[in-house]
Amino acid sequence: MEYWNNRYLDNGKIWGTEPSKTALYALKLFKKYDIIKILIPGSGYGRHTKFFSKNEYEVTGIEISETAMNIAKGFDSDSKLILGSVLNMPFNDERYDAIFCHSFLHLLLRNERGLFIEKCYNQLREGGLAFFTVFSEQESSFGRGAKIEENTFESKLYRPTHYFTERDLLDHFKTFSVIETGIIEETESHGGLHTHRLRYIFLQK
């Protein structure tokens, strides 16, 4: 929490105000299904909650950083925003039609990842959908920093990152039915222009 509070204090809307390429692709997939309510764990300063709200979904975002939440409240007035750790879900009795989780799961350690995925599963209605993106082993930062766990490195101080192979990603989501997996290249400009190779997985409960 301290790491992210400081980062948002220093950089504000780090990734800009436009949705990520992965969010655009998730929307394309979601439109094929009967979806009304979307949960976004790790919602940051609200660029994706706002994006899905503007596309006429009922959106709930959960974010641990109070700094990010304060930015989000001034940026996205349409979504329901909850301050808290996703590891403490649920915060309500809602069952969601879909979950969109962008570049968050890889920030958790092994036991936390398992707990988080279980909580996401329980927050979905039967037949509900989930779209996750994670760092892949093809990232340029793979292997940098102290090794914390298998394929998990502290490439930035106080921010361990897990890098997923496809097999690893599938193993994490054994309780779901997998619809689609792949890699999306996401170019970002913060700290200099660079491109992430993100794995995505599209699932159904």
C-alpha atoms as a PDB file:
ATOM      1  CA  MET A   1       0.000   0.000   0.000  1.00  0.00           C
ATOM      2  CA  GLU A   2       2.804   2.412   0.864  1.00  0.00           C
ATOM      3  CA  TYR A   3       4.527   1.720  -2.469  1.00  0.00           C
ATOM      4  CA  TRP A   4       1.378   2.505  -4.468  1.00  0.00           C
ATOM      5  CA  ASN A   5       0.389   5.528  -2.385  1.00  0.00           C
ATOM      6  CA  ASN A   6       3.815   7.030  -3.006  1.00  0.00           C
ATOM      7  CA  ARG A   7       3.710   6.191  -6.698  1.00  0.00           C
ATOM      8  CA  TYR A   8       0.328   7.835  -7.211  1.00  0.00           C
ATOM      9  CA  LEU A   9       1.411  10.840  -5.145  1.00  0.00           C
ATOM     10  CA  ASP A  10       4.445  11.280  -7.370  1.00  0.00           C
ATOM     11  CA  ASN A  11       2.879  10.476 -10.747  1.00  0.00           C
ATOM     12  CA  GLY A  12      -0.891  10.924 -10.518  1.00  0.00           C
ATOM     13  CA  LYS A  13      -2.597   9.337 -13.541  1.00  0.00           C
ATOM     14  CA  ILE A  14       0.492   7.276 -14.387  1.00  0.00           C
ATOM     15  CA  TRP A  15      -0.980   5.439 -17.368  1.00  0.00           C
ATOM     16  CA  GLY A  16      -3.022   8.334 -18.703  1.00  0.00           C
ATOM     17  CA  THR A  17      -6.796   8.565 -18.975  1.00  0.00           C
ATOM     18  CA  GLU A  18      -7.458   6.327 -21.975  1.00  0.00           C
ATOM     19  CA  PRO A  19      -8.269   2.615 -21.518  1.00  0.00           C
ATOM     20  CA  SER A  20      -5.560   0.035 -22.066  1.00  0.00           C
ATOM     21  CA  LYS A  21      -5.468  -2.031 -25.237  1.00  0.00           C
ATOM     22  CA  THR A  22      -6.438  -5.043 -23.133  1.00  0.00           C
ATOM     23  CA  ALA A  23      -9.566  -3.253 -21.840  1.00  0.00           C
ATOM     24  CA  LEU A  24     -10.640  -2.554 -25.413  1.00  0.00           C
ATOM     25  CA  TYR A  25     -10.241  -6.235 -26.226  1.00  0.00           C
ATOM     26  CA  ALA A  26     -12.078  -7.345 -23.079  1.00  0.00           C
ATOM     27  CA  LEU A  27     -14.993  -5.039 -23.986  1.00  0.00           C
ATOM     28  CA  LYS A  28     -15.179  -6.666 -27.415  1.00  0.00           C
ATOM     29  CA  LEU A  29     -15.444 -10.090 -25.738  1.00  0.00           C
ATOM     30  CA  PHE A  30     -17.903  -8.947 -23.055  1.00  0.00           C
ATOM     31  CA  LYS A  31     -20.285  -7.557 -25.672  1.00  0.00           C
ATOM     32  CA  LYS A  32     -20.916 -11.097 -26.903  1.00  0.00           C
ATOM     33  CA  TYR A  33     -22.513 -11.991 -23.556  1.00  0.00           C
ATOM     34  CA  ASP A  34     -25.357 -10.777 -21.362  1.00  0.00           C
ATOM     35  CA  ILE A  35     -23.402  -8.643 -18.903  1.00  0.00           C
ATOM     36  CA  ILE A  36     -24.637  -5.836 -16.671  1.00  0.00           C
ATOM     37  CA  LYS A  37     -22.441  -5.746 -13.541  1.00  0.00           C
ATOM     38  CA  ILE A  38     -18.630  -5.700 -13.715  1.00  0.00           C
ATOM     39  CA  LEU A  39     -16.176  -5.903 -10.816  1.00  0.00           C
ATOM     40  CA  ILE A  40     -12.714  -4.381 -11.262  1.00  0.00           C
ATOM     41  CA  PRO A  41     -10.271  -5.418  -8.488  1.00  0.00           C
ATOM     42  CA  GLY A  42      -7.192  -3.233  -8.262  1.00  0.00           C
ATOM     43  CA  SER A  43      -9.002  -0.381  -9.984  1.00  0.00           C
ATOM     44  CA  GLY A  44      -6.298   2.251  -9.416  1.00  0.00           C
ATOM     45  CA  TYR A  45      -7.290   5.828 -10.237  1.00  0.00           C
ATOM     46  CA  GLY A  46     -10.317   4.771 -12.261  1.00  0.00           C
ATOM     47  CA  ARG A  47      -9.403   4.817 -15.932  1.00  0.00           C
ATOM     48  CA  HIS A  48     -10.939   1.362 -16.475  1.00  0.00           C
ATOM     49  CA  THR A  49     -13.910   1.770 -14.141  1.00  0.00           C
ATOM     50  CA  LYS A  50     -14.748   4.930 -16.079  1.00  0.00           C
ATOM     51  CA  PHE A  51     -14.244   3.190 -19.431  1.00  0.00           C
ATOM     52  CA  PHE A  52     -16.652   0.351 -18.649  1.00  0.00           C
ATOM     53  CA  SER A  53     -19.159   2.702 -16.981  1.00  0.00           C
ATOM     54  CA  LYS A  54     -19.192   4.867 -20.106  1.00  0.00           C
ATOM     55  CA  ASN A  55     -20.007   1.700 -22.039  1.00  0.00           C
ATOM     56  CA  GLU A  56     -23.168   1.370 -19.944  1.00  0.00           C
ATOM     57  CA  TYR A  57     -22.113  -1.283 -17.442  1.00  0.00           C
ATOM     58  CA  GLU A  58     -22.708  -1.085 -13.698  1.00  0.00           C
ATOM     59  CA  VAL A  59     -19.139  -1.014 -12.385  1.00  0.00           C
ATOM     60  CA  THR A  60     -17.631  -1.553  -8.950  1.00  0.00           C
ATOM     61  CA  GLY A  61     -13.932  -0.910  -8.388  1.00  0.00           C
ATOM     62  CA  ILE A  62     -11.825  -2.010  -5.420  1.00  0.00           C
ATOM     63  CA  GLU A  63      -8.539  -0.243  -4.663  1.00  0.00           C
ATOM     64  CA  ILE A  64      -6.156  -0.381  -1.696  1.00  0.00           C
ATOM     65  CA  SER A  65      -4.411   2.963  -2.305  1.00  0.00           C
ATOM     66  CA  GLU A  66      -6.230   5.878  -0.714  1.00  0.00           C
ATOM     67  CA  THR A  67      -4.291   8.256  -2.952  1.00  0.00           C
ATOM     68  CA  ALA A  68      -5.482   6.454  -6.086  1.00  0.00           C
ATOM     69  CA  MET A  69      -9.030   6.343  -4.719  1.00  0.00           C
ATOM     70  CA  ASN A  70      -9.043  10.111  -4.162  1.00  0.00           C
ATOM     71  CA  ILE A  71      -7.949  10.635  -7.775  1.00  0.00           C
ATOM     72  CA  ALA A  72     -10.616   8.188  -8.975  1.00  0.00           C
ATOM     73  CA  LYS A  73     -13.406   9.976  -7.107  1.00  0.00           C
ATOM     74  CA  GLY A  74     -12.606  13.153  -9.030  1.00  0.00           C
ATOM     75  CA  PHE A  75     -12.212  11.330 -12.336  1.00  0.00           C
ATOM     76  CA  ASP A  76     -15.011   8.754 -12.385  1.00  0.00           C
ATOM     77  CA  SER A  77     -18.360   9.786 -10.915  1.00  0.00           C
ATOM     78  CA  ASP A  78     -20.343   6.899 -12.430  1.00  0.00           C
ATOM     79  CA  SER A  79     -18.786   3.833 -10.788  1.00  0.00           C
ATOM     80  CA  LYS A  80     -19.072   2.512  -7.246  1.00  0.00           C
ATOM     81  CA  LEU A  81     -15.607   2.706  -5.664  1.00  0.00           C
ATOM     82  CA  ILE A  82     -14.541   0.733  -2.579  1.00  0.00           C
ATOM     83  CA  LEU A  83     -11.359   1.433  -0.596  1.00  0.00           C
ATOM     84  CA  GLY A  84      -9.833  -1.817   0.645  1.00  0.00           C
ATOM     85  CA  SER A  85      -7.688  -4.836  -0.116  1.00  0.00           C
ATOM     86  CA  VAL A  86      -8.990  -7.307  -2.696  1.00  0.00           C
ATOM     87  CA  LEU A  87      -7.746 -10.029  -0.339  1.00  0.00           C
ATOM     88  CA  ASN A  88     -10.539  -8.947   2.021  1.00  0.00           C
ATOM     89  CA  MET A  89     -13.315  -9.414  -0.539  1.00  0.00           C
ATOM     90  CA  PRO A  90     -16.247  -9.608  -0.467  1.00  0.00           C
ATOM     91  CA  PHE A  91     -17.264  -6.121   0.622  1.00  0.00           C
ATOM     92  CA  ASN A  92     -20.901  -6.712  -0.334  1.00  0.00           C
ATOM     93  CA  ASP A  93     -23.369  -9.467  -1.227  1.00  0.00           C
ATOM     94  CA  GLU A  94     -23.224  -8.769  -4.982  1.00  0.00           C
ATOM     95  CA  ARG A  95     -22.622 -11.459  -7.561  1.00  0.00           C
ATOM     96  CA  TYR A  96     -21.107  -9.977 -10.689  1.00  0.00           C
ATOM     97  CA  ASP A  97     -21.603 -10.889 -14.337  1.00  0.00           C
ATOM     98  CA  ALA A  98     -17.935 -10.273 -15.129  1.00  0.00           C
ATOM     99  CA  ILE A  99     -14.570  -9.381 -13.627  1.00  0.00           C
ATOM    100  CA  PHE A 100     -11.931  -7.308 -15.395  1.00  0.00           C
ATOM    101  CA  CYS A 101      -8.513  -7.408 -13.722  1.00  0.00           C
ATOM    102  CA  HIS A 102      -5.646  -5.664 -15.519  1.00  0.00           C
ATOM    103  CA  SER A 103      -1.980  -6.080 -14.537  1.00  0.00           C
ATOM    104  CA  PHE A 104      -2.682  -6.837 -10.891  1.00  0.00           C
ATOM    105  CA  LEU A 105      -2.510 -10.588 -10.263  1.00  0.00           C
ATOM    106  CA  HIS A 106       1.237 -10.714 -10.952  1.00  0.00           C
ATOM    107  CA  LEU A 107       1.856  -8.307  -8.049  1.00  0.00           C
ATOM    108  CA  LEU A 108       0.776 -10.950  -5.516  1.00  0.00           C
ATOM    109  CA  LEU A 109       2.805 -13.786  -4.041  1.00  0.00           C
ATOM    110  CA  ARG A 110       1.795 -17.415  -4.601  1.00  0.00           C
ATOM    111  CA  ASN A 111      -0.517 -17.899  -1.614  1.00  0.00           C
ATOM    112  CA  GLU A 112      -2.093 -14.487  -2.157  1.00  0.00           C
ATOM    113  CA  ARG A 113      -2.720 -15.251  -5.830  1.00  0.00           C
ATOM    114  CA  GLY A 114      -4.586 -18.435  -4.923  1.00  0.00           C
ATOM    115  CA  LEU A 115      -6.689 -16.628  -2.318  1.00  0.00           C
ATOM    116  CA  PHE A 116      -7.464 -13.744  -4.665  1.00  0.00           C
ATOM    117  CA  ILE A 117      -8.559 -16.026  -7.506  1.00  0.00           C
ATOM    118  CA  GLU A 118     -10.803 -17.970  -5.117  1.00  0.00           C
ATOM    119  CA  LYS A 119     -12.415 -14.733  -3.947  1.00  0.00           C
ATOM    120  CA  CYS A 120     -12.953 -13.594  -7.535  1.00  0.00           C
ATOM    121  CA  TYR A 121     -14.567 -16.937  -8.344  1.00  0.00           C
ATOM    122  CA  ASN A 122     -16.940 -16.561  -5.413  1.00  0.00           C
ATOM    123  CA  GLN A 123     -17.903 -13.012  -6.446  1.00  0.00           C
ATOM    124  CA  LEU A 124     -19.118 -14.207  -9.879  1.00  0.00           C
ATOM    125  CA  ARG A 125     -22.593 -15.506 -10.603  1.00  0.00           C
ATOM    126  CA  GLU A 126     -22.877 -18.949 -12.167  1.00  0.00           C
ATOM    127  CA  GLY A 127     -21.779 -18.620 -15.785  1.00  0.00           C
ATOM    128  CA  GLY A 128     -20.038 -15.333 -14.990  1.00  0.00           C
ATOM    129  CA  LEU A 129     -16.968 -14.261 -16.971  1.00  0.00           C
ATOM    130  CA  ALA A 130     -13.491 -13.084 -16.032  1.00  0.00           C
ATOM    131  CA  PHE A 131     -10.715 -11.398 -18.006  1.00  0.00           C
ATOM    132  CA  PHE A 132      -7.251 -11.166 -16.418  1.00  0.00           C
ATOM    133  CA  THR A 133      -3.995  -9.748 -17.780  1.00  0.00           C
ATOM    134  CA  VAL A 134      -0.587 -10.497 -16.246  1.00  0.00           C
ATOM    135  CA  PHE A 135       3.103 -10.025 -16.955  1.00  0.00           C
ATOM    136  CA  SER A 136       4.504 -12.845 -19.076  1.00  0.00           C
ATOM    137  CA  GLU A 137       7.933 -14.464 -18.944  1.00  0.00           C
ATOM    138  CA  GLN A 138       8.629 -12.525 -22.153  1.00  0.00           C
ATOM    139  CA  GLU A 139       8.873  -9.217 -20.261  1.00  0.00           C
ATOM    140  CA  SER A 140      12.239  -7.449 -20.499  1.00  0.00           C
ATOM    141  CA  SER A 141      12.342  -7.240 -16.677  1.00  0.00           C
ATOM    142  CA  PHE A 142      12.020 -11.016 -16.228  1.00  0.00           C
ATOM    143  CA  GLY A 143      14.797 -12.313 -13.961  1.00  0.00           C
ATOM    144  CA  ARG A 144      15.860  -8.901 -12.681  1.00  0.00           C
ATOM    145  CA  GLY A 145      16.202  -8.300  -8.946  1.00  0.00           C
ATOM    146  CA  ALA A 146      16.122 -10.681  -6.011  1.00  0.00           C
ATOM    147  CA  LYS A 147      14.289 -13.957  -6.593  1.00  0.00           C
ATOM    148  CA  ILE A 148      11.382 -14.193  -4.123  1.00  0.00           C
ATOM    149  CA  GLU A 149       9.606 -17.306  -5.430  1.00  0.00           C
ATOM    150  CA  GLU A 150       9.627 -19.349  -8.632  1.00  0.00           C
ATOM    151  CA  ASN A 151       9.450 -16.840 -11.534  1.00  0.00           C
ATOM    152  CA  THR A 152       8.902 -14.027  -9.015  1.00  0.00           C
ATOM    153  CA  PHE A 153      11.478 -11.243  -8.749  1.00  0.00           C
ATOM    154  CA  GLU A 154      11.733  -7.937  -6.911  1.00  0.00           C
ATOM    155  CA  SER A 155      12.582  -5.959 -10.038  1.00  0.00           C
ATOM    156  CA  LYS A 156      11.542  -2.803  -8.162  1.00  0.00           C
ATOM    157  CA  LEU A 157      12.096  -2.307  -4.430  1.00  0.00           C
ATOM    158  CA  TYR A 158       9.049  -3.414  -2.400  1.00  0.00           C
ATOM    159  CA  ARG A 159       7.267  -4.578  -5.566  1.00  0.00           C
ATOM    160  CA  PRO A 160       7.769  -8.294  -6.284  1.00  0.00           C
ATOM    161  CA  THR A 161       6.456  -9.341  -9.709  1.00  0.00           C
ATOM    162  CA  HIS A 162       5.460 -12.817 -10.863  1.00  0.00           C
ATOM    163  CA  TYR A 163       6.002 -13.653 -14.535  1.00  0.00           C
ATOM    164  CA  PHE A 164       3.519 -16.137 -15.997  1.00  0.00           C
ATOM    165  CA  THR A 165       4.121 -18.799 -18.602  1.00  0.00           C
ATOM    166  CA  GLU A 166       0.962 -20.001 -20.341  1.00  0.00           C
ATOM    167  CA  ARG A 167       1.050 -23.290 -18.408  1.00  0.00           C
ATOM    168  CA  ASP A 168       1.434 -21.436 -15.125  1.00  0.00           C
ATOM    169  CA  LEU A 169      -1.489 -19.147 -15.941  1.00  0.00           C
ATOM    170  CA  LEU A 170      -3.746 -22.080 -16.817  1.00  0.00           C
ATOM    171  CA  ASP A 171      -2.746 -23.858 -13.601  1.00  0.00           C
ATOM    172  CA  HIS A 172      -3.810 -20.821 -11.557  1.00  0.00           C
ATOM    173  CA  PHE A 173      -7.344 -20.931 -12.985  1.00  0.00           C
ATOM    174  CA  LYS A 174      -8.178 -24.630 -12.785  1.00  0.00           C
ATOM    175  CA  THR A 175     -11.537 -23.938 -11.151  1.00  0.00           C
ATOM    176  CA  PHE A 176     -12.689 -21.960 -14.232  1.00  0.00           C
ATOM    177  CA  SER A 177     -13.504 -22.998 -17.783  1.00  0.00           C
ATOM    178  CA  VAL A 178     -10.969 -21.358 -20.099  1.00  0.00           C
ATOM    179  CA  ILE A 179     -12.424 -19.686 -23.194  1.00  0.00           C
ATOM    180  CA  GLU A 180      -9.313 -18.028 -24.628  1.00  0.00           C
ATOM    181  CA  THR A 181      -5.706 -17.140 -23.845  1.00  0.00           C
ATOM    182  CA  GLY A 182      -3.100 -15.120 -25.690  1.00  0.00           C
ATOM    183  CA  ILE A 183      -0.564 -12.292 -25.581  1.00  0.00           C
ATOM    184  CA  ILE A 184      -1.288  -8.612 -26.134  1.00  0.00           C
ATOM    185  CA  GLU A 185       1.497  -6.064 -26.587  1.00  0.00           C
ATOM    186  CA  GLU A 186       0.765  -2.958 -24.529  1.00  0.00           C
ATOM    187  CA  THR A 187       2.876   0.153 -25.176  1.00  0.00           C
ATOM    188  CA  GLU A 188       3.225   2.669 -22.349  1.00  0.00           C
ATOM    189  CA  SER A 189       4.997   6.026 -22.157  1.00  0.00           C
ATOM    190  CA  HIS A 190       5.590   6.529 -18.419  1.00  0.00           C
ATOM    191  CA  GLY A 191       9.304   6.430 -17.566  1.00  0.00           C
ATOM    192  CA  GLY A 192      10.108   6.337 -21.285  1.00  0.00           C
ATOM    193  CA  LEU A 193       8.391   4.505 -24.128  1.00  0.00           C
ATOM    194  CA  HIS A 194       8.295   0.732 -23.559  1.00  0.00           C
ATOM    195  CA  THR A 195       6.164  -2.263 -24.502  1.00  0.00           C
ATOM    196  CA  HIS A 196       4.823  -4.967 -22.202  1.00  0.00           C
ATOM    197  CA  ARG A 197       4.007  -8.457 -23.447  1.00  0.00           C
ATOM    198  CA  LEU A 198       0.965  -9.273 -21.333  1.00  0.00           C
ATOM    199  CA  ARG A 199      -0.677 -12.655 -21.157  1.00  0.00           C
ATOM    200  CA  TYR A 200      -4.454 -12.559 -20.984  1.00  0.00           C
ATOM    201  CA  ILE A 201      -6.936 -15.240 -20.048  1.00  0.00           C
ATOM    202  CA  PHE A 202     -10.696 -15.165 -20.646  1.00  0.00           C
ATOM    203  CA  LEU A 203     -12.702 -17.478 -18.422  1.00  0.00           C
ATOM    204  CA  GLN A 204     -16.146 -18.596 -17.371  1.00  0.00           C
ATOM    205  CA  LYS A 205     -17.364 -19.822 -14.001  1.00  0.00           C
END
